[in-house]
Amino acid sequence: MPIDQQIKTLRKSLGLNQTELAKKSNISQSDVSEFENGVRLPSYPVLERIAKALGADVVLKTKRPRK
């Protein structure tokens, strides 16, 4: 699942609105909206703060190139 959908799904599952997540993550509500709508991606430090606010971990997955 893309990161924008993961953020939105986790936020909603916790009953938070965008403003509440923004406050917990020390970012603006417009940032949350842009991340959730795929307008832009959060930087890694911001992603860590969002994850912490959502009680989640940041996990990097990589794929091997197809041969």
Protein backbone atom coordinates (compact mmCIF):
# COMPACT_ATOMS: atom_id res chain seq x y z
CA MET A 1 0.00 0.00 0.00
CA PRO A 2 1.43 3.42 -0.90
CA ILE A 3 2.59 5.66 1.95
CA ASP A 4 -0.19 8.20 1.36
CA GLN A 5 -2.85 5.53 1.87
CA GLN A 6 -1.04 4.09 4.89
CA ILE A 7 -0.95 7.45 6.65
CA LYS A 8 -4.64 8.11 5.99
CA THR A 9 -5.74 4.59 6.95
CA LEU A 10 -3.79 4.62 10.22
CA ARG A 11 -4.97 8.13 11.09
CA LYS A 12 -8.61 7.23 10.54
CA SER A 13 -8.28 3.94 12.44
CA LEU A 14 -7.14 5.96 15.46
CA GLY A 15 -10.05 8.37 15.12
CA LEU A 16 -7.78 11.34 14.46
CA ASN A 17 -8.50 14.16 12.07
CA GLN A 18 -5.76 15.78 10.01
CA THR A 19 -5.36 18.68 12.43
CA GLU A 20 -4.86 16.35 15.39
CA LEU A 21 -2.26 14.30 13.51
CA ALA A 22 -0.52 17.49 12.43
CA LYS A 23 -0.26 18.71 16.03
CA LYS A 24 1.06 15.34 17.24
CA SER A 25 3.62 15.30 14.41
CA ASN A 26 4.62 18.98 14.67
CA ILE A 27 3.67 19.68 11.05
CA SER A 28 0.85 21.66 9.45
CA GLN A 29 -2.58 20.30 8.57
CA SER A 30 -1.90 21.22 4.95
CA ASP A 31 1.22 19.03 5.05
CA VAL A 32 -0.86 16.09 6.26
CA SER A 33 -3.38 16.71 3.50
CA GLU A 34 -0.69 16.87 0.82
CA PHE A 35 0.94 13.66 2.08
CA GLU A 36 -2.39 11.81 2.25
CA ASN A 37 -3.40 12.95 -1.22
CA GLY A 38 -0.09 12.03 -2.82
CA VAL A 39 0.75 15.63 -3.73
CA ARG A 40 4.17 15.20 -2.14
CA LEU A 41 6.09 12.77 0.04
CA PRO A 42 7.24 13.50 3.60
CA SER A 43 10.95 13.66 4.30
CA TYR A 44 12.29 10.76 6.35
CA PRO A 45 12.45 12.79 9.61
CA VAL A 46 8.86 13.96 9.10
CA LEU A 47 7.76 10.42 8.26
CA GLU A 48 9.33 9.25 11.54
CA ARG A 49 7.36 11.89 13.48
CA ILE A 50 4.12 10.92 11.73
CA ALA A 51 4.77 7.24 12.44
CA LYS A 52 5.46 7.97 16.11
CA ALA A 53 2.23 9.97 16.37
CA LEU A 54 0.36 7.03 14.82
CA GLY A 55 2.07 4.42 17.00
CA ALA A 56 3.68 2.86 13.94
CA ASP A 57 7.17 1.98 12.78
CA VAL A 58 8.89 3.07 9.59
CA VAL A 59 9.96 -0.03 7.65
CA LEU A 60 11.94 0.20 4.45
CA LYS A 61 11.25 -2.54 1.93
CA THR A 62 13.37 -3.06 -1.12
CA LYS A 63 12.88 -5.23 -4.16
CA ARG A 64 15.49 -7.03 -6.13
CA PRO A 65 15.53 -6.10 -9.80
CA ARG A 66 14.01 -8.66 -12.11
CA LYS A 67 16.45 -10.52 -14.33
